[in-house]
C-alpha atoms as a PDB file:
ATOM      1  CA  MET A   1    -155.999  71.849-150.346  1.00  0.00           C
ATOM      2  CA  PRO A   2    -159.538  70.634-150.655  1.00  0.00           C
ATOM      3  CA  CYS A   3    -160.591  70.342-154.314  1.00  0.00           C
ATOM      4  CA  TRP A   4    -163.770  72.321-153.876  1.00  0.00           C
ATOM      5  CA  LEU A   5    -162.165  75.588-152.918  1.00  0.00           C
ATOM      6  CA  SER A   6    -161.967  78.473-155.300  1.00  0.00           C
ATOM      7  CA  VAL A   7    -158.732  80.221-154.624  1.00  0.00           C
ATOM      8  CA  LEU A   8    -157.437  83.674-155.816  1.00  0.00           C
ATOM      9  CA  TYR A   9    -153.614  83.927-155.277  1.00  0.00           C
ATOM     10  CA  PHE A  10    -151.659  87.150-155.365  1.00  0.00           C
ATOM     11  CA  ALA A  11    -147.993  86.794-156.468  1.00  0.00           C
ATOM     12  CA  VAL A  12    -145.039  89.160-156.388  1.00  0.00           C
ATOM     13  CA  ASP A  13    -144.075  89.204-160.069  1.00  0.00           C
ATOM     14  CA  VAL A  14    -144.595  87.385-163.435  1.00  0.00           C
ATOM     15  CA  GLU A  15    -142.011  84.743-162.662  1.00  0.00           C
ATOM     16  CA  HIS A  16    -143.435  84.071-159.214  1.00  0.00           C
ATOM     17  CA  THR A  17    -146.915  83.922-160.748  1.00  0.00           C
ATOM     18  CA  LYS A  18    -145.832  81.187-163.209  1.00  0.00           C
ATOM     19  CA  ALA A  19    -143.876  79.219-160.610  1.00  0.00           C
ATOM     20  CA  LEU A  20    -146.831  79.211-158.125  1.00  0.00           C
ATOM     21  CA  CYS A  21    -149.211  78.096-160.833  1.00  0.00           C
ATOM     22  CA  LYS A  22    -146.850  75.367-161.944  1.00  0.00           C
ATOM     23  CA  ARG A  23    -146.504  74.081-158.399  1.00  0.00           C
ATOM     24  CA  PHE A  24    -150.294  73.607-158.010  1.00  0.00           C
ATOM     25  CA  GLN A  25    -150.352  72.001-161.391  1.00  0.00           C
ATOM     26  CA  GLU A  26    -147.682  69.489-160.375  1.00  0.00           C
ATOM     27  CA  GLU A  27    -149.958  68.500-157.434  1.00  0.00           C
ATOM     28  CA  GLY A  28    -152.756  67.797-159.797  1.00  0.00           C
ATOM     29  CA  ILE A  29    -154.758  70.962-158.988  1.00  0.00           C
ATOM     30  CA  LYS A  30    -156.347  72.823-161.927  1.00  0.00           C
ATOM     31  CA  ALA A  31    -154.522  76.130-161.789  1.00  0.00           C
ATOM     32  CA  GLU A  32    -154.134  78.993-164.237  1.00  0.00           C
ATOM     33  CA  PHE A  33    -152.457  82.447-164.143  1.00  0.00           C
ATOM     34  CA  VAL A  34    -153.017  85.892-165.467  1.00  0.00           C
ATOM     35  CA  THR A  35    -150.623  88.756-165.742  1.00  0.00           C
ATOM     36  CA  GLY A  36    -150.598  92.169-167.425  1.00  0.00           C
ATOM     37  CA  MET A  37    -149.175  90.361-170.549  1.00  0.00           C
ATOM     38  CA  THR A  38    -152.053  87.854-170.801  1.00  0.00           C
ATOM     39  CA  ASP A  39    -153.994  88.414-174.003  1.00  0.00           C
ATOM     40  CA  LYS A  40    -157.422  89.905-173.302  1.00  0.00           C
ATOM     41  CA  GLU A  41    -159.396  87.027-174.944  1.00  0.00           C
ATOM     42  CA  GLU A  42    -157.268  84.448-173.110  1.00  0.00           C
ATOM     43  CA  ARG A  43    -157.837  86.317-169.957  1.00  0.00           C
ATOM     44  CA  ARG A  44    -161.552  86.285-170.492  1.00  0.00           C
ATOM     45  CA  GLN A  45    -161.493  82.482-170.968  1.00  0.00           C
ATOM     46  CA  ILE A  46    -159.373  81.927-167.907  1.00  0.00           C
ATOM     47  CA  LEU A  47    -161.726  84.138-165.844  1.00  0.00           C
ATOM     48  CA  LYS A  48    -164.728  82.199-167.251  1.00  0.00           C
ATOM     49  CA  ARG A  49    -163.168  78.836-166.245  1.00  0.00           C
ATOM     50  CA  PHE A  50    -162.441  80.175-162.785  1.00  0.00           C
ATOM     51  CA  ALA A  51    -166.006  81.461-162.379  1.00  0.00           C
ATOM     52  CA  SER A  52    -167.382  78.066-163.315  1.00  0.00           C
ATOM     53  CA  LYS A  53    -164.874  76.400-160.801  1.00  0.00           C
ATOM     54  CA  GLU A  54    -163.243  74.397-163.617  1.00  0.00           C
ATOM     55  CA  THR A  55    -160.088  76.264-162.504  1.00  0.00           C
ATOM     56  CA  LYS A  56    -159.629  75.893-158.762  1.00  0.00           C
ATOM     57  CA  VAL A  57    -156.587  78.247-158.329  1.00  0.00           C
ATOM     58  CA  LEU A  58    -156.152  81.534-160.136  1.00  0.00           C
ATOM     59  CA  VAL A  59    -152.740  83.098-159.588  1.00  0.00           C
ATOM     60  CA  ASN A  60    -152.254  86.735-160.614  1.00  0.00           C
ATOM     61  CA  CYS A  61    -149.641  89.419-160.650  1.00  0.00           C
ATOM     62  CA  ALA A  62    -151.094  92.978-160.298  1.00  0.00           C
ATOM     63  CA  VAL A  63    -154.086  92.309-162.424  1.00  0.00           C
ATOM     64  CA  LEU A  64    -156.972  91.344-160.208  1.00  0.00           C
ATOM     65  CA  THR A  65    -156.310  93.746-157.252  1.00  0.00           C
ATOM     66  CA  GLU A  66    -159.176  96.138-157.979  1.00  0.00           C
ATOM     67  CA  GLY A  67    -162.244  96.102-160.179  1.00  0.00           C
ATOM     68  CA  PHE A  68    -162.498  92.302-160.194  1.00  0.00           C
ATOM     69  CA  ASP A  69    -165.561  90.709-158.693  1.00  0.00           C
ATOM     70  CA  GLU A  70    -166.090  86.976-158.486  1.00  0.00           C
ATOM     71  CA  PRO A  71    -168.457  85.997-155.787  1.00  0.00           C
ATOM     72  CA  LYS A  72    -167.461  82.349-155.884  1.00  0.00           C
ATOM     73  CA  ILE A  73    -163.933  83.063-154.461  1.00  0.00           C
ATOM     74  CA  GLU A  74    -163.584  81.183-151.175  1.00  0.00           C
ATOM     75  CA  THR A  75    -159.971  81.772-150.360  1.00  0.00           C
ATOM     76  CA  ILE A  76    -157.403  84.509-150.794  1.00  0.00           C
ATOM     77  CA  LEU A  77    -153.784  83.589-150.688  1.00  0.00           C
ATOM     78  CA  MET A  78    -151.306  86.471-150.292  1.00  0.00           C
ATOM     79  CA  ALA A  79    -147.763  85.885-151.440  1.00  0.00           C
ATOM     80  CA  ARG A  80    -147.240  89.534-152.362  1.00  0.00           C
ATOM     81  CA  PRO A  81    -146.076  91.935-149.725  1.00  0.00           C
ATOM     82  CA  THR A  82    -147.320  95.464-149.605  1.00  0.00           C
ATOM     83  CA  LYS A  83    -146.979  98.453-147.139  1.00  0.00           C
ATOM     84  CA  SER A  84    -150.187  99.927-148.493  1.00  0.00           C
ATOM     85  CA  GLY A  85    -153.209  99.222-146.303  1.00  0.00           C
ATOM     86  CA  ILE A  86    -155.573 100.227-149.097  1.00  0.00           C
ATOM     87  CA  LEU A  87    -153.943  97.895-151.557  1.00  0.00           C
ATOM     88  CA  TYR A  88    -154.095  95.112-149.037  1.00  0.00           C
ATOM     89  CA  GLN A  89    -157.792  95.769-148.435  1.00  0.00           C
ATOM     90  CA  GLN A  90    -158.457  95.775-152.126  1.00  0.00           C
ATOM     91  CA  MET A  91    -156.769  92.372-152.549  1.00  0.00           C
ATOM     92  CA  VAL A  92    -158.470  90.720-149.530  1.00  0.00           C
ATOM     93  CA  GLY A  93    -161.653  92.414-150.619  1.00  0.00           C
ATOM     94  CA  ARG A  94    -161.710  90.154-153.738  1.00  0.00           C
ATOM     95  CA  GLY A  95    -162.703  87.314-151.456  1.00  0.00           C
ATOM     96  CA  THR A  96    -164.819  88.989-148.830  1.00  0.00           C
ATOM     97  CA  ARG A  97    -167.668  90.328-151.036  1.00  0.00           C
ATOM     98  CA  LYS A  98    -171.072  88.698-150.920  1.00  0.00           C
END
């Protein structure tokens, strides 16, 4: 994966979120994750690092599906299945806004 991309990754559950993040880190890619259990201040700092592109890959589990707007997102990775067209559009929409 090119080091200049800003990637938002949607995972299935908390365990999957942590495993995906760890895998990127093992490859030397600056990755972090957020879940519903992430402390609000810690989450704010993680999102700040993602916005500044210090963090290249941000993996999340059911946190950033709606109401999250980061115009620097360049790639969406979907590792979370859904039968909901609306939910899918919301997730993909995180990376298609101008």
